[in-house]
Each structure stands twice: as structure tokens, then as C-alpha cells.
Amino acid sequence: MPPPRLKNQYYLVRSGESEFESMGVINTNPVAKTSVDNGLSDRGKKQSIRAAFDLKEMGACDNNCWIWPAITQRAYQTAEIIASVNSITRRLLFWFFSCSC
């Protein structure tokens, strides 16, 4: 017997622009990417807010959802913005240990 049809939906969202990117600095050091200094730029925050409202409009988190950001500072900040706009509690915000370099 095949299993019942799964109804999971997945949304991939790239994190907003980082401070380093806004200055034209290419930083490939994975340790530096977790630094607080490599958080979202002002433009990156606006991009993240726009993505959060796009997800809300699509109903992505209407029936509960989990957010799994990469370990970079900008990815986690993007995830926090998405969680805030979509009323997702911190207990559903997890670290995803991979490099989205």
C-alpha cells in the first residue's frame, strides 16, 4: 500500500543582503559569516520584510510552520523577520547546519 499523500509544502527563501555585500566585499570565510558584523544591511532588512509579507500573502504559515535558517548571521536575522511578520514562535525557529555560501 502506498502511504497517504503528503501535504507538506516547502518554501526556499534566500537571506537578505549582508553588510559585507553592501560594501562590495566578497567574504567566503564561513566563520566570518556567523559574525554579528555580517548581519543584514538596511537593504537586506527591507528584502527580508518583503519576503516575509510575500510568504504571509501566500499563506505559507497559516497552519503552523517551522523555519530552518542556515547558521549565518544574515540568515538567522532573515528568519527572525519572517517569524515576526508571520506570528511564528521562537520554538519553531531552528538552526540548519549547512553552508548556504
PDB file of N, CA and C in Angstrom:
ATOM      1  N   MET A   1       0.833  -1.179   0.000  1.00  0.00           N
ATOM      2  CA  MET A   1       0.000   0.000   0.000  1.00  0.00           C
ATOM      3  C   MET A   1       0.879   1.244   0.000  1.00  0.00           C
ATOM      4  N   PRO A   2       0.583   2.187  -0.838  1.00  0.00           N
ATOM      5  CA  PRO A   2       1.346   3.442  -0.766  1.00  0.00           C
ATOM      6  C   PRO A   2       0.900   4.252   0.449  1.00  0.00           C
ATOM      7  N   PRO A   3       1.798   5.046   0.989  1.00  0.00           N
ATOM      8  CA  PRO A   3       1.415   5.893   2.127  1.00  0.00           C
ATOM      9  C   PRO A   3       0.410   6.951   1.678  1.00  0.00           C
ATOM     10  N   PRO A   4      -0.340   7.485   2.632  1.00  0.00           N
ATOM     11  CA  PRO A   4      -1.272   8.557   2.262  1.00  0.00           C
ATOM     12  C   PRO A   4      -0.500   9.747   1.675  1.00  0.00           C
ATOM     13  N   ARG A   5      -1.135  10.470   0.858  1.00  0.00           N
ATOM     14  CA  ARG A   5      -0.481  11.599   0.191  1.00  0.00           C
ATOM     15  C   ARG A   5      -0.005  12.636   1.211  1.00  0.00           C
ATOM     16  N   LEU A   6       1.242  13.031   1.081  1.00  0.00           N
ATOM     17  CA  LEU A   6       1.799  14.054   1.960  1.00  0.00           C
ATOM     18  C   LEU A   6       1.328  15.432   1.503  1.00  0.00           C
ATOM     19  N   LYS A   7       1.136  16.300   2.442  1.00  0.00           N
ATOM     20  CA  LYS A   7       0.664  17.641   2.108  1.00  0.00           C
ATOM     21  C   LYS A   7       1.646  18.723   2.552  1.00  0.00           C
ATOM     22  N   ASN A   8       2.878  18.323   2.806  1.00  0.00           N
ATOM     23  CA  ASN A   8       3.883  19.298   3.222  1.00  0.00           C
ATOM     24  C   ASN A   8       4.195  20.253   2.076  1.00  0.00           C
ATOM     25  N   GLN A   9       4.459  21.482   2.428  1.00  0.00           N
ATOM     26  CA  GLN A   9       4.890  22.476   1.460  1.00  0.00           C
ATOM     27  C   GLN A   9       6.191  23.069   1.956  1.00  0.00           C
ATOM     28  N   TYR A  10       7.093  23.342   1.027  1.00  0.00           N
ATOM     29  CA  TYR A  10       8.395  23.893   1.371  1.00  0.00           C
ATOM     30  C   TYR A  10       8.612  25.178   0.588  1.00  0.00           C
ATOM     31  N   TYR A  11       9.124  26.178   1.257  1.00  0.00           N
ATOM     32  CA  TYR A  11       9.423  27.465   0.644  1.00  0.00           C
ATOM     33  C   TYR A  11      10.897  27.765   0.899  1.00  0.00           C
ATOM     34  N   LEU A  12      11.631  28.007  -0.142  1.00  0.00           N
ATOM     35  CA  LEU A  12      13.039  28.366  -0.016  1.00  0.00           C
ATOM     36  C   LEU A  12      13.158  29.876  -0.156  1.00  0.00           C
ATOM     37  N   VAL A  13      13.808  30.487   0.809  1.00  0.00           N
ATOM     38  CA  VAL A  13      13.973  31.939   0.800  1.00  0.00           C
ATOM     39  C   VAL A  13      15.455  32.234   1.004  1.00  0.00           C
ATOM     40  N   ARG A  14      16.003  33.007   0.113  1.00  0.00           N
ATOM     41  CA  ARG A  14      17.399  33.424   0.275  1.00  0.00           C
ATOM     42  C   ARG A  14      17.422  34.575   1.270  1.00  0.00           C
ATOM     43  N   SER A  15      18.438  34.599   2.118  1.00  0.00           N
ATOM     44  CA  SER A  15      18.527  35.674   3.101  1.00  0.00           C
ATOM     45  C   SER A  15      18.811  37.003   2.409  1.00  0.00           C
ATOM     46  N   GLY A  16      18.500  38.075   3.100  1.00  0.00           N
ATOM     47  CA  GLY A  16      18.713  39.412   2.553  1.00  0.00           C
ATOM     48  C   GLY A  16      20.189  39.761   2.423  1.00  0.00           C
ATOM     49  N   GLU A  17      20.446  40.883   1.808  1.00  0.00           N
ATOM     50  CA  GLU A  17      21.809  41.359   1.574  1.00  0.00           C
ATOM     51  C   GLU A  17      22.536  41.595   2.898  1.00  0.00           C
ATOM     52  N   SER A  18      23.786  41.169   2.976  1.00  0.00           N
ATOM     53  CA  SER A  18      24.575  41.366   4.194  1.00  0.00           C
ATOM     54  C   SER A  18      25.307  42.708   4.152  1.00  0.00           C
ATOM     55  N   GLU A  19      25.808  43.115   5.298  1.00  0.00           N
ATOM     56  CA  GLU A  19      26.613  44.339   5.388  1.00  0.00           C
ATOM     57  C   GLU A  19      27.818  44.251   4.460  1.00  0.00           C
ATOM     58  N   PHE A  20      28.502  43.104   4.465  1.00  0.00           N
ATOM     59  CA  PHE A  20      29.679  42.944   3.607  1.00  0.00           C
ATOM     60  C   PHE A  20      29.294  43.074   2.138  1.00  0.00           C
ATOM     61  N   GLU A  21      28.205  42.442   1.740  1.00  0.00           N
ATOM     62  CA  GLU A  21      27.761  42.522   0.342  1.00  0.00           C
ATOM     63  C   GLU A  21      27.445  43.965  -0.044  1.00  0.00           C
ATOM     64  N   SER A  22      26.866  44.722   0.865  1.00  0.00           N
ATOM     65  CA  SER A  22      26.510  46.111   0.560  1.00  0.00           C
ATOM     66  C   SER A  22      27.749  46.969   0.317  1.00  0.00           C
ATOM     67  N   MET A  23      28.888  46.550   0.875  1.00  0.00           N
ATOM     68  CA  MET A  23      30.147  47.275   0.677  1.00  0.00           C
ATOM     69  C   MET A  23      30.956  46.706  -0.491  1.00  0.00           C
ATOM     70  N   GLY A  24      30.421  45.677  -1.144  1.00  0.00           N
ATOM     71  CA  GLY A  24      31.137  45.061  -2.256  1.00  0.00           C
ATOM     72  C   GLY A  24      32.229  44.103  -1.828  1.00  0.00           C
ATOM     73  N   VAL A  25      32.202  43.694  -0.559  1.00  0.00           N
ATOM     74  CA  VAL A  25      33.219  42.779  -0.027  1.00  0.00           C
ATOM     75  C   VAL A  25      32.732  41.349  -0.221  1.00  0.00           C
ATOM     76  N   ILE A  26      33.569  40.537  -0.849  1.00  0.00           N
ATOM     77  CA  ILE A  26      33.256  39.124  -1.009  1.00  0.00           C
ATOM     78  C   ILE A  26      33.942  38.382   0.127  1.00  0.00           C
ATOM     79  N   ASN A  27      33.149  37.801   0.998  1.00  0.00           N
ATOM     80  CA  ASN A  27      33.681  37.106   2.167  1.00  0.00           C
ATOM     81  C   ASN A  27      33.248  35.649   2.102  1.00  0.00           C
ATOM     82  N   THR A  28      34.211  34.771   1.884  1.00  0.00           N
ATOM     83  CA  THR A  28      33.887  33.348   1.764  1.00  0.00           C
ATOM     84  C   THR A  28      34.245  32.562   3.020  1.00  0.00           C
ATOM     85  N   ASN A  29      34.736  33.227   4.037  1.00  0.00           N
ATOM     86  CA  ASN A  29      35.104  32.552   5.279  1.00  0.00           C
ATOM     87  C   ASN A  29      33.833  32.198   6.052  1.00  0.00           C
ATOM     88  N   PRO A  30      33.535  30.892   6.204  1.00  0.00           N
ATOM     89  CA  PRO A  30      32.300  30.505   6.887  1.00  0.00           C
ATOM     90  C   PRO A  30      32.228  30.976   8.332  1.00  0.00           C
ATOM     91  N   VAL A  31      33.371  31.104   9.008  1.00  0.00           N
ATOM     92  CA  VAL A  31      33.361  31.570  10.397  1.00  0.00           C
ATOM     93  C   VAL A  31      32.957  33.041  10.440  1.00  0.00           C
ATOM     94  N   ALA A  32      33.467  33.836   9.510  1.00  0.00           N
ATOM     95  CA  ALA A  32      33.135  35.264   9.475  1.00  0.00           C
ATOM     96  C   ALA A  32      31.660  35.477   9.173  1.00  0.00           C
ATOM     97  N   LYS A  33      31.049  34.553   8.441  1.00  0.00           N
ATOM     98  CA  LYS A  33      29.643  34.701   8.086  1.00  0.00           C
ATOM     99  C   LYS A  33      28.720  34.556   9.293  1.00  0.00           C
ATOM    100  N   THR A  34      29.220  33.963  10.366  1.00  0.00           N
ATOM    101  CA  THR A  34      28.406  33.840  11.579  1.00  0.00           C
ATOM    102  C   THR A  34      28.584  35.051  12.494  1.00  0.00           C
ATOM    103  N   SER A  35      29.502  35.931  12.148  1.00  0.00           N
ATOM    104  CA  SER A  35      29.803  37.109  12.954  1.00  0.00           C
ATOM    105  C   SER A  35      28.639  38.100  12.941  1.00  0.00           C
ATOM    106  N   VAL A  36      28.450  38.783  14.052  1.00  0.00           N
ATOM    107  CA  VAL A  36      27.419  39.804  14.156  1.00  0.00           C
ATOM    108  C   VAL A  36      27.686  40.923  13.144  1.00  0.00           C
ATOM    109  N   ASP A  37      28.957  41.140  12.805  1.00  0.00           N
ATOM    110  CA  ASP A  37      29.321  42.172  11.830  1.00  0.00           C
ATOM    111  C   ASP A  37      28.805  41.862  10.431  1.00  0.00           C
ATOM    112  N   ASN A  38      28.426  40.624  10.181  1.00  0.00           N
ATOM    113  CA  ASN A  38      27.965  40.233   8.854  1.00  0.00           C
ATOM    114  C   ASN A  38      26.452  40.049   8.834  1.00  0.00           C
ATOM    115  N   GLY A  39      25.758  40.867   9.589  1.00  0.00           N
ATOM    116  CA  GLY A  39      24.303  40.801   9.606  1.00  0.00           C
ATOM    117  C   GLY A  39      23.699  41.480   8.389  1.00  0.00           C
ATOM    118  N   LEU A  40      22.410  41.677   8.421  1.00  0.00           N
ATOM    119  CA  LEU A  40      21.701  42.286   7.303  1.00  0.00           C
ATOM    120  C   LEU A  40      22.009  43.775   7.182  1.00  0.00           C
ATOM    121  N   SER A  41      22.165  44.221   5.945  1.00  0.00           N
ATOM    122  CA  SER A  41      22.266  45.653   5.678  1.00  0.00           C
ATOM    123  C   SER A  41      20.856  46.231   5.724  1.00  0.00           C
ATOM    124  N   ASP A  42      20.736  47.546   5.602  1.00  0.00           N
ATOM    125  CA  ASP A  42      19.400  48.152   5.568  1.00  0.00           C
ATOM    126  C   ASP A  42      18.601  47.609   4.386  1.00  0.00           C
ATOM    127  N   ARG A  43      19.262  47.474   3.244  1.00  0.00           N
ATOM    128  CA  ARG A  43      18.592  46.913   2.068  1.00  0.00           C
ATOM    129  C   ARG A  43      18.188  45.458   2.324  1.00  0.00           C
ATOM    130  N   GLY A  44      19.065  44.701   3.000  1.00  0.00           N
ATOM    131  CA  GLY A  44      18.771  43.310   3.327  1.00  0.00           C
ATOM    132  C   GLY A  44      17.577  43.167   4.252  1.00  0.00           C
ATOM    133  N   LYS A  45      17.437  44.096   5.187  1.00  0.00           N
ATOM    134  CA  LYS A  45      16.270  44.081   6.083  1.00  0.00           C
ATOM    135  C   LYS A  45      14.992  44.325   5.301  1.00  0.00           C
ATOM    136  N   LYS A  46      15.046  45.271   4.360  1.00  0.00           N
ATOM    137  CA  LYS A  46      13.868  45.555   3.528  1.00  0.00           C
ATOM    138  C   LYS A  46      13.523  44.350   2.658  1.00  0.00           C
ATOM    139  N   GLN A  47      14.552  43.681   2.115  1.00  0.00           N
ATOM    140  CA  GLN A  47      14.317  42.482   1.307  1.00  0.00           C
ATOM    141  C   GLN A  47      13.649  41.392   2.149  1.00  0.00           C
ATOM    142  N   SER A  48      14.118  41.232   3.380  1.00  0.00           N
ATOM    143  CA  SER A  48      13.574  40.202   4.275  1.00  0.00           C
ATOM    144  C   SER A  48      12.130  40.502   4.658  1.00  0.00           C
ATOM    145  N   ILE A  49      11.841  41.763   4.910  1.00  0.00           N
ATOM    146  CA  ILE A  49      10.466  42.156   5.240  1.00  0.00           C
ATOM    147  C   ILE A  49       9.550  41.893   4.056  1.00  0.00           C
ATOM    148  N   ARG A  50      10.016  42.222   2.864  1.00  0.00           N
ATOM    149  CA  ARG A  50       9.206  41.975   1.660  1.00  0.00           C
ATOM    150  C   ARG A  50       8.947  40.478   1.490  1.00  0.00           C
ATOM    151  N   ALA A  51       9.991  39.653   1.701  1.00  0.00           N
ATOM    152  CA  ALA A  51       9.835  38.194   1.595  1.00  0.00           C
ATOM    153  C   ALA A  51       8.856  37.686   2.654  1.00  0.00           C
ATOM    154  N   ALA A  52       8.930  38.233   3.866  1.00  0.00           N
ATOM    155  CA  ALA A  52       8.033  37.811   4.942  1.00  0.00           C
ATOM    156  C   ALA A  52       6.578  38.089   4.587  1.00  0.00           C
ATOM    157  N   PHE A  53       6.318  39.260   4.035  1.00  0.00           N
ATOM    158  CA  PHE A  53       4.940  39.593   3.657  1.00  0.00           C
ATOM    159  C   PHE A  53       4.483  38.798   2.434  1.00  0.00           C
ATOM    160  N   ASP A  54       5.407  38.476   1.524  1.00  0.00           N
ATOM    161  CA  ASP A  54       5.057  37.611   0.385  1.00  0.00           C
ATOM    162  C   ASP A  54       4.645  36.227   0.889  1.00  0.00           C
ATOM    163  N   LEU A  55       5.393  35.698   1.857  1.00  0.00           N
ATOM    164  CA  LEU A  55       5.046  34.399   2.429  1.00  0.00           C
ATOM    165  C   LEU A  55       3.698  34.460   3.138  1.00  0.00           C
ATOM    166  N   LYS A  56       3.471  35.559   3.841  1.00  0.00           N
ATOM    167  CA  LYS A  56       2.185  35.731   4.537  1.00  0.00           C
ATOM    168  C   LYS A  56       1.039  35.765   3.528  1.00  0.00           C
ATOM    169  N   GLU A  57       1.238  36.490   2.430  1.00  0.00           N
ATOM    170  CA  GLU A  57       0.202  36.590   1.400  1.00  0.00           C
ATOM    171  C   GLU A  57      -0.090  35.224   0.769  1.00  0.00           C
ATOM    172  N   MET A  58       0.949  34.391   0.633  1.00  0.00           N
ATOM    173  CA  MET A  58       0.768  33.047   0.067  1.00  0.00           C
ATOM    174  C   MET A  58       0.146  32.080   1.059  1.00  0.00           C
ATOM    175  N   GLY A  59       0.074  32.490   2.337  1.00  0.00           N
ATOM    176  CA  GLY A  59      -0.467  31.599   3.358  1.00  0.00           C
ATOM    177  C   GLY A  59       0.519  30.519   3.764  1.00  0.00           C
ATOM    178  N   ALA A  60       1.795  30.788   3.601  1.00  0.00           N
ATOM    179  CA  ALA A  60       2.825  29.781   3.871  1.00  0.00           C
ATOM    180  C   ALA A  60       2.821  29.292   5.317  1.00  0.00           C
ATOM    181  N   CYS A  61       2.441  30.140   6.244  1.00  0.00           N
ATOM    182  CA  CYS A  61       2.495  29.762   7.656  1.00  0.00           C
ATOM    183  C   CYS A  61       1.127  29.771   8.328  1.00  0.00           C
ATOM    184  N   ASP A  62       0.087  29.631   7.546  1.00  0.00           N
ATOM    185  CA  ASP A  62      -1.263  29.647   8.113  1.00  0.00           C
ATOM    186  C   ASP A  62      -1.530  28.455   9.031  1.00  0.00           C
ATOM    187  N   ASN A  63      -0.986  27.305   8.719  1.00  0.00           N
ATOM    188  CA  ASN A  63      -1.244  26.091   9.506  1.00  0.00           C
ATOM    189  C   ASN A  63       0.011  25.645  10.252  1.00  0.00           C
ATOM    190  N   ASN A  64       0.671  26.588  10.877  1.00  0.00           N
ATOM    191  CA  ASN A  64       1.936  26.326  11.574  1.00  0.00           C
ATOM    192  C   ASN A  64       3.034  25.988  10.580  1.00  0.00           C
ATOM    193  N   CYS A  65       4.205  26.437  10.864  1.00  0.00           N
ATOM    194  CA  CYS A  65       5.350  26.094  10.028  1.00  0.00           C
ATOM    195  C   CYS A  65       6.611  26.205  10.869  1.00  0.00           C
ATOM    196  N   TRP A  66       7.624  25.565  10.386  1.00  0.00           N
ATOM    197  CA  TRP A  66       8.940  25.635  11.008  1.00  0.00           C
ATOM    198  C   TRP A  66       9.842  26.414  10.089  1.00  0.00           C
ATOM    199  N   ILE A  67      10.798  27.118  10.667  1.00  0.00           N
ATOM    200  CA  ILE A  67      11.787  27.848   9.881  1.00  0.00           C
ATOM    201  C   ILE A  67      13.159  27.273  10.226  1.00  0.00           C
ATOM    202  N   TRP A  68      13.908  26.921   9.197  1.00  0.00           N
ATOM    203  CA  TRP A  68      15.235  26.319   9.362  1.00  0.00           C
ATOM    204  C   TRP A  68      16.277  27.180   8.662  1.00  0.00           C
ATOM    205  N   PRO A  69      16.779  28.244   9.309  1.00  0.00           N
ATOM    206  CA  PRO A  69      17.787  29.084   8.662  1.00  0.00           C
ATOM    207  C   PRO A  69      19.180  28.454   8.744  1.00  0.00           C
ATOM    208  N   ALA A  70      20.050  28.850   7.837  1.00  0.00           N
ATOM    209  CA  ALA A  70      21.458  28.465   7.917  1.00  0.00           C
ATOM    210  C   ALA A  70      22.064  29.161   9.139  1.00  0.00           C
ATOM    211  N   ILE A  71      23.312  28.864   9.446  1.00  0.00           N
ATOM    212  CA  ILE A  71      23.917  29.415  10.660  1.00  0.00           C
ATOM    213  C   ILE A  71      24.536  30.795  10.462  1.00  0.00           C
ATOM    214  N   THR A  72      24.415  31.365   9.281  1.00  0.00           N
ATOM    215  CA  THR A  72      24.973  32.702   9.082  1.00  0.00           C
ATOM    216  C   THR A  72      24.108  33.733   9.800  1.00  0.00           C
ATOM    217  N   GLN A  73      24.732  34.819  10.186  1.00  0.00           N
ATOM    218  CA  GLN A  73      24.034  35.875  10.914  1.00  0.00           C
ATOM    219  C   GLN A  73      22.878  36.428  10.087  1.00  0.00           C
ATOM    220  N   ARG A  74      23.119  36.694   8.813  1.00  0.00           N
ATOM    221  CA  ARG A  74      22.065  37.282   7.988  1.00  0.00           C
ATOM    222  C   ARG A  74      20.909  36.317   7.760  1.00  0.00           C
ATOM    223  N   ALA A  75      21.194  35.020   7.685  1.00  0.00           N
ATOM    224  CA  ALA A  75      20.126  34.025   7.510  1.00  0.00           C
ATOM    225  C   ALA A  75      19.250  33.973   8.754  1.00  0.00           C
ATOM    226  N   TYR A  76      19.872  34.025   9.925  1.00  0.00           N
ATOM    227  CA  TYR A  76      19.087  33.977  11.158  1.00  0.00           C
ATOM    228  C   TYR A  76      18.262  35.252  11.333  1.00  0.00           C
ATOM    229  N   GLN A  77      18.849  36.401  10.977  1.00  0.00           N
ATOM    230  CA  GLN A  77      18.090  37.650  11.067  1.00  0.00           C
ATOM    231  C   GLN A  77      16.905  37.635  10.100  1.00  0.00           C
ATOM    232  N   THR A  78      17.113  37.119   8.901  1.00  0.00           N
ATOM    233  CA  THR A  78      16.017  36.992   7.935  1.00  0.00           C
ATOM    234  C   THR A  78      14.923  36.092   8.503  1.00  0.00           C
ATOM    235  N   ALA A  79      15.320  34.975   9.103  1.00  0.00           N
ATOM    236  CA  ALA A  79      14.350  34.045   9.689  1.00  0.00           C
ATOM    237  C   ALA A  79      13.565  34.705  10.820  1.00  0.00           C
ATOM    238  N   GLU A  80      14.231  35.512  11.626  1.00  0.00           N
ATOM    239  CA  GLU A  80      13.534  36.200  12.719  1.00  0.00           C
ATOM    240  C   GLU A  80      12.502  37.194  12.185  1.00  0.00           C
ATOM    241  N   ILE A  81      12.834  37.874  11.097  1.00  0.00           N
ATOM    242  CA  ILE A  81      11.889  38.816  10.492  1.00  0.00           C
ATOM    243  C   ILE A  81      10.681  38.061   9.945  1.00  0.00           C
ATOM    244  N   ILE A  82      10.942  36.963   9.242  1.00  0.00           N
ATOM    245  CA  ILE A  82       9.848  36.153   8.693  1.00  0.00           C
ATOM    246  C   ILE A  82       8.963  35.621   9.818  1.00  0.00           C
ATOM    247  N   ALA A  83       9.596  35.162  10.891  1.00  0.00           N
ATOM    248  CA  ALA A  83       8.842  34.640  12.034  1.00  0.00           C
ATOM    249  C   ALA A  83       7.981  35.730  12.664  1.00  0.00           C
ATOM    250  N   SER A  84       8.539  36.901  12.815  1.00  0.00           N
ATOM    251  CA  SER A  84       7.807  38.001  13.443  1.00  0.00           C
ATOM    252  C   SER A  84       6.589  38.404  12.618  1.00  0.00           C
ATOM    253  N   VAL A  85       6.766  38.584  11.330  1.00  0.00           N
ATOM    254  CA  VAL A  85       5.662  39.006  10.460  1.00  0.00           C
ATOM    255  C   VAL A  85       4.570  37.943  10.402  1.00  0.00           C
ATOM    256  N   ASN A  86       4.972  36.669  10.467  1.00  0.00           N
ATOM    257  CA  ASN A  86       4.018  35.574  10.327  1.00  0.00           C
ATOM    258  C   ASN A  86       3.590  34.965  11.660  1.00  0.00           C
ATOM    259  N   SER A  87       3.868  35.647  12.766  1.00  0.00           N
ATOM    260  CA  SER A  87       3.468  35.216  14.115  1.00  0.00           C
ATOM    261  C   SER A  87       3.915  33.791  14.434  1.00  0.00           C
ATOM    262  N   ILE A  88       5.169  33.496  14.132  1.00  0.00           N
ATOM    263  CA  ILE A  88       5.749  32.185  14.414  1.00  0.00           C
ATOM    264  C   ILE A  88       6.571  32.302  15.697  1.00  0.00           C
ATOM    265  N   THR A  89       6.331  31.418  16.645  1.00  0.00           N
ATOM    266  CA  THR A  89       7.050  31.485  17.917  1.00  0.00           C
ATOM    267  C   THR A  89       8.502  31.024  17.742  1.00  0.00           C
ATOM    268  N   ARG A  90       9.343  31.445  18.653  1.00  0.00           N
ATOM    269  CA  ARG A  90      10.766  31.084  18.591  1.00  0.00           C
ATOM    270  C   ARG A  90      10.984  29.579  18.716  1.00  0.00           C
ATOM    271  N   ARG A  91      10.049  28.862  19.286  1.00  0.00           N
ATOM    272  CA  ARG A  91      10.243  27.415  19.414  1.00  0.00           C
ATOM    273  C   ARG A  91      10.144  26.704  18.072  1.00  0.00           C
ATOM    274  N   LEU A  92       9.670  27.406  17.043  1.00  0.00           N
ATOM    275  CA  LEU A  92       9.598  26.834  15.704  1.00  0.00           C
ATOM    276  C   LEU A  92      10.676  27.400  14.780  1.00  0.00           C
ATOM    277  N   LEU A  93      11.677  28.039  15.369  1.00  0.00           N
ATOM    278  CA  LEU A  93      12.796  28.599  14.623  1.00  0.00           C
ATOM    279  C   LEU A  93      14.042  27.794  14.980  1.00  0.00           C
ATOM    280  N   PHE A  94      14.541  27.017  14.036  1.00  0.00           N
ATOM    281  CA  PHE A  94      15.639  26.085  14.293  1.00  0.00           C
ATOM    282  C   PHE A  94      16.864  26.467  13.490  1.00  0.00           C
ATOM    283  N   TRP A  95      18.030  26.065  13.976  1.00  0.00           N
ATOM    284  CA  TRP A  95      19.269  26.218  13.207  1.00  0.00           C
ATOM    285  C   TRP A  95      19.370  25.076  12.223  1.00  0.00           C
ATOM    286  N   PHE A  96      19.758  25.392  11.021  1.00  0.00           N
ATOM    287  CA  PHE A  96      20.003  24.367   9.995  1.00  0.00           C
ATOM    288  C   PHE A  96      21.489  24.381   9.715  1.00  0.00           C
ATOM    289  N   PHE A  97      22.169  23.307  10.045  1.00  0.00           N
ATOM    290  CA  PHE A  97      23.624  23.291   9.957  1.00  0.00           C
ATOM    291  C   PHE A  97      24.089  22.882   8.567  1.00  0.00           C
ATOM    292  N   SER A  98      24.107  23.874   7.699  1.00  0.00           N
ATOM    293  CA  SER A  98      24.706  23.692   6.381  1.00  0.00           C
ATOM    294  C   SER A  98      25.210  25.064   5.957  1.00  0.00           C
ATOM    295  N   CYS A  99      25.988  25.092   4.962  1.00  0.00           N
ATOM    296  CA  CYS A  99      26.514  26.366   4.487  1.00  0.00           C
ATOM    297  C   CYS A  99      25.775  26.767   3.233  1.00  0.00           C
ATOM    298  N   SER A 100      25.144  27.911   3.273  1.00  0.00           N
ATOM    299  CA  SER A 100      24.487  28.438   2.083  1.00  0.00           C
ATOM    300  C   SER A 100      25.361  29.539   1.497  1.00  0.00           C
ATOM    301  N   CYS A 101      26.617  29.224   1.377  1.00  0.00           N
ATOM    302  CA  CYS A 101      27.619  30.218   0.961  1.00  0.00           C
ATOM    303  C   CYS A 101      27.433  30.683  -0.468  1.00  0.00           C
TER     304      CYS A 101
END
